[in-house]
Amino acid sequence: MRRQLLDTGKTERKSRTSHGHVVDDLGKGIVSGAFPIGSILPGDSELLQRFKVSRTVLRESMKTLAAKGLVVPRARVGTRVTETIHWNMFDNDVLSWHFESGVNKEFLLHLYDIRMAFEPFAASLVAERASREDIELLRSLAASMAAPHHTSDSLAVIDLHFHLAITEASQNPFMRSLGGLIEAALVGMFRMSAPPASNGFGNIADTHMTIVDAIAARDGAAAHKAMEFVIIDGRRHILDGFAALG
């Protein structure tokens, strides 16, 4: 189960293994800049003392960080922190570390660029491929967005489930693998926004129901357009949130 960016109180993180603890601590340090790009990580002796783990655990942790693109080992030099261009931004841990370190407007807008590149097309695929059960689920999720007394977190959770259901119903495994990006973008939008009742989220059920209606009508072009509108609206909330911060 991938790490949840949304802090909803409904899920609890399992206690990390020694390997997970080392990866998480060093990964956050790299993304936050505590270990700057181009720098060499502390040597094995220092890290073994710091984390109280075996050399095998430390070696596997470094392999994990290297697989995420954050570090590269150099013979007789040490483990170097790579340029951000090499980081796997599709990795859920890397996304989580960015949020834990504090994300900026540019980062969130990049997420919305990626969403715009694939989610409208996913919606058009769903219009072609969705089963009756898929459509009923999407309609139920859209309708539940109109329930009163939502908090930003509770609304974000339903919104996330809706968009993940779209990727599932697309029947495209590559679409499904992009769920972490959708979650990160939605977390950013809702965290930058005021409570739903005061910030214009009142139409969120309607805009998502428009997607469902287009899918139910098997109108791929309309589903594509309706999803584009939802993503553009979310991007607007990001910009409004940063503008409010001055």
Protein backbone atom coordinates (compact mmCIF):
# COMPACT_ATOMS: atom_id res chain seq x y z
CA MET A 1 0.00 0.00 0.00
CA ARG A 2 1.49 3.33 -1.01
CA ARG A 3 2.05 6.05 1.54
CA GLN A 4 -0.96 8.33 1.93
CA LEU A 5 -0.32 12.02 1.40
CA LEU A 6 -3.74 12.89 2.76
CA ASP A 7 -3.88 12.99 6.54
CA THR A 8 -7.47 11.87 6.98
CA GLY A 9 -7.26 10.05 10.28
CA LYS A 10 -8.73 6.97 8.60
CA THR A 11 -5.43 5.27 7.87
CA GLU A 12 -2.38 4.79 10.01
CA ARG A 13 1.15 4.37 8.77
CA LYS A 14 2.68 1.08 9.68
CA SER A 15 5.82 1.35 11.73
CA ARG A 16 8.76 1.51 9.37
CA THR A 17 11.35 -1.22 9.02
CA SER A 18 14.98 -0.31 9.61
CA HIS A 19 15.43 -0.12 5.85
CA GLY A 20 12.37 2.09 5.48
CA HIS A 21 13.54 4.39 8.25
CA VAL A 22 16.94 4.92 6.65
CA VAL A 23 15.44 5.53 3.20
CA ASP A 24 12.83 7.92 4.59
CA ASP A 25 15.28 9.93 6.69
CA LEU A 26 17.90 10.29 3.96
CA GLY A 27 15.30 10.84 1.24
CA LYS A 28 13.68 13.69 3.14
CA GLY A 29 17.12 15.14 3.83
CA ILE A 30 17.96 15.12 0.13
CA VAL A 31 14.66 16.58 -1.05
CA SER A 32 14.67 19.27 1.65
CA GLY A 33 18.20 20.32 0.77
CA ALA A 34 19.76 19.22 4.06
CA PHE A 35 22.00 17.15 1.77
CA PRO A 36 22.52 19.59 -1.13
CA ILE A 37 22.65 18.58 -4.77
CA GLY A 38 26.17 17.52 -5.67
CA SER A 39 27.16 16.86 -2.07
CA ILE A 40 28.50 13.55 -0.79
CA LEU A 41 26.41 11.75 1.80
CA PRO A 42 28.10 10.91 5.11
CA GLY A 43 30.24 7.78 4.99
CA ASP A 44 29.14 4.33 6.02
CA SER A 45 30.69 4.54 9.48
CA GLU A 46 28.81 7.74 10.30
CA LEU A 47 25.51 6.45 8.90
CA LEU A 48 25.83 3.11 10.67
CA GLN A 49 26.33 4.94 13.93
CA ARG A 50 23.46 7.32 13.20
CA PHE A 51 20.84 4.73 12.28
CA LYS A 52 22.05 1.77 14.35
CA VAL A 53 21.51 -0.64 11.46
CA SER A 54 23.58 -3.36 9.84
CA ARG A 55 25.84 -2.71 6.86
CA THR A 56 23.49 -4.85 4.76
CA VAL A 57 20.49 -2.65 5.64
CA LEU A 58 22.48 0.49 4.85
CA ARG A 59 23.63 -0.91 1.51
CA GLU A 60 20.07 -1.87 0.51
CA SER A 61 18.83 1.57 1.57
CA MET A 62 21.37 3.23 -0.70
CA LYS A 63 20.27 1.00 -3.56
CA THR A 64 16.68 2.10 -2.98
CA LEU A 65 17.63 5.79 -3.04
CA ALA A 66 19.67 5.20 -6.19
CA ALA A 67 16.68 3.48 -7.82
CA LYS A 68 14.63 6.61 -7.11
CA GLY A 69 17.32 8.65 -8.85
CA LEU A 70 18.34 10.66 -5.77
CA VAL A 71 21.90 9.41 -5.41
CA VAL A 72 24.65 7.77 -7.40
CA PRO A 73 27.60 5.87 -5.91
CA ARG A 74 31.09 6.92 -7.00
CA ALA A 75 34.06 4.64 -6.48
CA ARG A 76 36.61 6.10 -4.06
CA VAL A 77 34.41 9.21 -3.74
CA GLY A 78 31.22 8.20 -1.98
CA THR A 79 27.49 8.49 -2.63
CA ARG A 80 26.68 11.75 -4.40
CA VAL A 81 23.31 13.53 -4.41
CA THR A 82 22.16 13.87 -8.02
CA GLU A 83 20.63 16.80 -9.87
CA THR A 84 16.84 17.02 -9.55
CA ILE A 85 16.46 16.22 -13.25
CA HIS A 86 17.42 12.64 -12.37
CA TRP A 87 14.87 12.24 -9.55
CA ASN A 88 11.91 9.99 -10.22
CA MET A 89 9.08 12.45 -9.68
CA PHE A 90 6.53 9.70 -10.34
CA ASP A 91 7.71 7.89 -7.22
CA ASN A 92 5.25 8.20 -4.33
CA ASP A 93 7.98 8.53 -1.72
CA VAL A 94 9.66 11.35 -3.64
CA LEU A 95 6.32 13.15 -3.94
CA SER A 96 5.65 12.70 -0.22
CA TRP A 97 9.09 14.01 0.69
CA HIS A 98 8.42 17.14 -1.33
CA PHE A 99 5.20 17.79 0.59
CA GLU A 100 6.83 17.12 3.94
CA SER A 101 9.60 19.56 3.02
CA GLY A 102 7.17 22.23 1.80
CA VAL A 103 6.16 22.67 -1.83
CA ASN A 104 6.02 25.90 -3.82
CA LYS A 105 3.64 27.19 -6.47
CA GLU A 106 5.85 26.05 -9.34
CA PHE A 107 5.89 22.47 -8.06
CA LEU A 108 2.10 22.32 -7.76
CA LEU A 109 1.53 23.89 -11.17
CA HIS A 110 3.84 21.28 -12.70
CA LEU A 111 1.58 18.61 -11.19
CA TYR A 112 -1.43 20.20 -12.84
CA ASP A 113 0.41 20.30 -16.18
CA ILE A 114 0.86 16.53 -15.93
CA ARG A 115 -2.76 15.99 -14.94
CA MET A 116 -3.89 18.01 -17.94
CA ALA A 117 -1.74 15.82 -20.16
CA PHE A 118 -3.40 12.53 -19.22
CA GLU A 119 -6.62 12.83 -17.20
CA PRO A 120 -8.87 14.31 -19.90
CA PHE A 121 -7.81 11.52 -22.25
CA ALA A 122 -8.44 8.99 -19.47
CA ALA A 123 -11.98 10.36 -19.11
CA SER A 124 -12.55 9.96 -22.85
CA LEU A 125 -11.37 6.34 -22.60
CA VAL A 126 -13.79 5.73 -19.73
CA ALA A 127 -16.64 7.03 -21.90
CA GLU A 128 -15.82 4.20 -24.31
CA ARG A 129 -15.00 1.45 -21.83
CA ALA A 130 -16.86 2.00 -18.55
CA SER A 131 -19.18 -0.70 -17.28
CA ARG A 132 -22.52 0.08 -15.69
CA GLU A 133 -20.91 -0.55 -12.31
CA ASP A 134 -18.11 1.91 -13.10
CA ILE A 135 -20.62 4.61 -13.97
CA GLU A 136 -22.69 3.97 -10.84
CA LEU A 137 -19.58 4.26 -8.67
CA LEU A 138 -18.51 7.52 -10.33
CA ARG A 139 -22.02 8.96 -9.98
CA SER A 140 -22.14 8.01 -6.30
CA LEU A 141 -18.76 9.62 -5.63
CA ALA A 142 -19.71 12.81 -7.47
CA ALA A 143 -23.01 13.03 -5.59
CA SER A 144 -21.28 12.53 -2.24
CA MET A 145 -19.21 15.66 -2.87
CA ALA A 146 -22.39 17.69 -2.33
CA ALA A 147 -22.87 16.41 1.22
CA PRO A 148 -22.95 19.21 3.81
CA HIS A 149 -20.30 19.90 6.43
CA HIS A 150 -17.34 18.60 4.42
CA THR A 151 -13.90 19.54 5.65
CA SER A 152 -11.14 20.18 3.14
CA ASP A 153 -9.66 16.77 3.98
CA SER A 154 -12.92 14.82 3.70
CA LEU A 155 -13.73 16.44 0.37
CA ALA A 156 -10.19 15.79 -0.87
CA VAL A 157 -10.54 12.10 -0.04
CA ILE A 158 -13.75 11.75 -2.06
CA ASP A 159 -12.27 13.77 -4.91
CA LEU A 160 -9.22 11.49 -4.91
CA HIS A 161 -11.40 8.37 -4.99
CA PHE A 162 -13.31 9.80 -7.95
CA HIS A 163 -10.20 10.51 -10.00
CA LEU A 164 -8.62 7.17 -9.12
CA ALA A 165 -11.86 5.48 -10.19
CA ILE A 166 -11.50 7.22 -13.55
CA THR A 167 -8.01 5.78 -14.00
CA GLU A 168 -9.27 2.32 -13.04
CA ALA A 169 -12.23 2.48 -15.42
CA SER A 170 -9.93 3.55 -18.27
CA GLN A 171 -8.64 -0.06 -18.24
CA ASN A 172 -5.18 1.30 -19.01
CA PRO A 173 -2.52 0.11 -16.53
CA PHE A 174 -0.32 3.13 -17.24
CA MET A 175 -3.13 5.47 -16.23
CA ARG A 176 -3.59 3.54 -13.00
CA SER A 177 0.08 3.92 -12.11
CA LEU A 178 -0.25 7.72 -12.10
CA GLY A 179 -2.51 7.78 -9.05
CA GLY A 180 0.24 9.22 -6.86
CA LEU A 181 0.48 12.31 -9.04
CA ILE A 182 -3.26 12.87 -8.85
CA GLU A 183 -3.19 12.51 -5.08
CA ALA A 184 -0.29 14.95 -4.73
CA ALA A 185 -2.02 17.54 -6.92
CA LEU A 186 -5.28 17.28 -4.98
CA VAL A 187 -3.48 17.49 -1.65
CA GLY A 188 -1.79 20.66 -2.86
CA MET A 189 -5.05 22.22 -4.00
CA PHE A 190 -7.00 21.52 -0.84
CA ARG A 191 -4.16 22.49 1.48
CA MET A 192 -3.80 25.81 -0.30
CA SER A 193 -7.51 26.50 0.02
CA ALA A 194 -9.89 27.64 2.73
CA PRO A 195 -12.64 25.32 4.01
CA PRO A 196 -14.97 24.27 1.17
CA ALA A 197 -17.92 26.38 2.27
CA SER A 198 -16.00 29.62 1.86
CA ASN A 199 -13.78 29.16 -1.16
CA GLY A 200 -15.94 28.27 -4.12
CA PHE A 201 -15.78 24.49 -3.87
CA GLY A 202 -19.56 24.49 -3.68
CA ASN A 203 -19.79 23.54 -7.37
CA ILE A 204 -17.39 20.61 -7.13
CA ALA A 205 -20.21 18.03 -7.17
CA ASP A 206 -21.71 19.63 -10.28
CA THR A 207 -18.45 19.80 -12.21
CA HIS A 208 -17.65 16.18 -11.45
CA MET A 209 -21.20 15.07 -12.23
CA THR A 210 -20.79 16.68 -15.65
CA ILE A 211 -17.93 14.25 -16.26
CA VAL A 212 -20.12 11.33 -15.20
CA ASP A 213 -23.01 12.44 -17.40
CA ALA A 214 -20.70 12.63 -20.42
CA ILE A 215 -19.31 9.16 -19.65
CA ALA A 216 -22.81 7.73 -19.23
CA ALA A 217 -23.74 9.24 -22.62
CA ARG A 218 -20.66 7.60 -24.15
CA ASP A 219 -19.52 11.04 -25.30
CA GLY A 220 -15.74 10.93 -25.16
CA ALA A 221 -15.24 14.49 -26.37
CA ALA A 222 -17.60 15.88 -23.72
CA ALA A 223 -15.93 13.79 -21.00
CA HIS A 224 -12.52 15.10 -22.14
CA LYS A 225 -13.76 18.70 -21.99
CA ALA A 226 -15.46 18.26 -18.62
CA MET A 227 -12.30 16.80 -17.08
CA GLU A 228 -10.24 19.65 -18.52
CA PHE A 229 -12.56 22.11 -16.79
CA VAL A 230 -12.14 20.37 -13.43
CA ILE A 231 -8.35 20.42 -13.70
CA ILE A 232 -8.26 24.06 -14.80
CA ASP A 233 -10.53 24.93 -11.89
CA GLY A 234 -8.21 23.13 -9.48
CA ARG A 235 -5.24 25.02 -10.92
CA ARG A 236 -7.12 28.27 -10.33
CA HIS A 237 -7.55 27.36 -6.66
CA ILE A 238 -3.79 26.84 -6.41
CA LEU A 239 -3.12 30.29 -7.88
CA ASP A 240 -5.78 31.90 -5.66
CA GLY A 241 -4.29 30.23 -2.60
CA PHE A 242 -0.80 31.54 -3.25
CA ALA A 243 -2.18 34.98 -4.12
CA ALA A 244 -3.94 35.08 -0.75
CA LEU A 245 -0.61 34.40 0.93
CA GLY A 246 0.77 37.54 -0.67
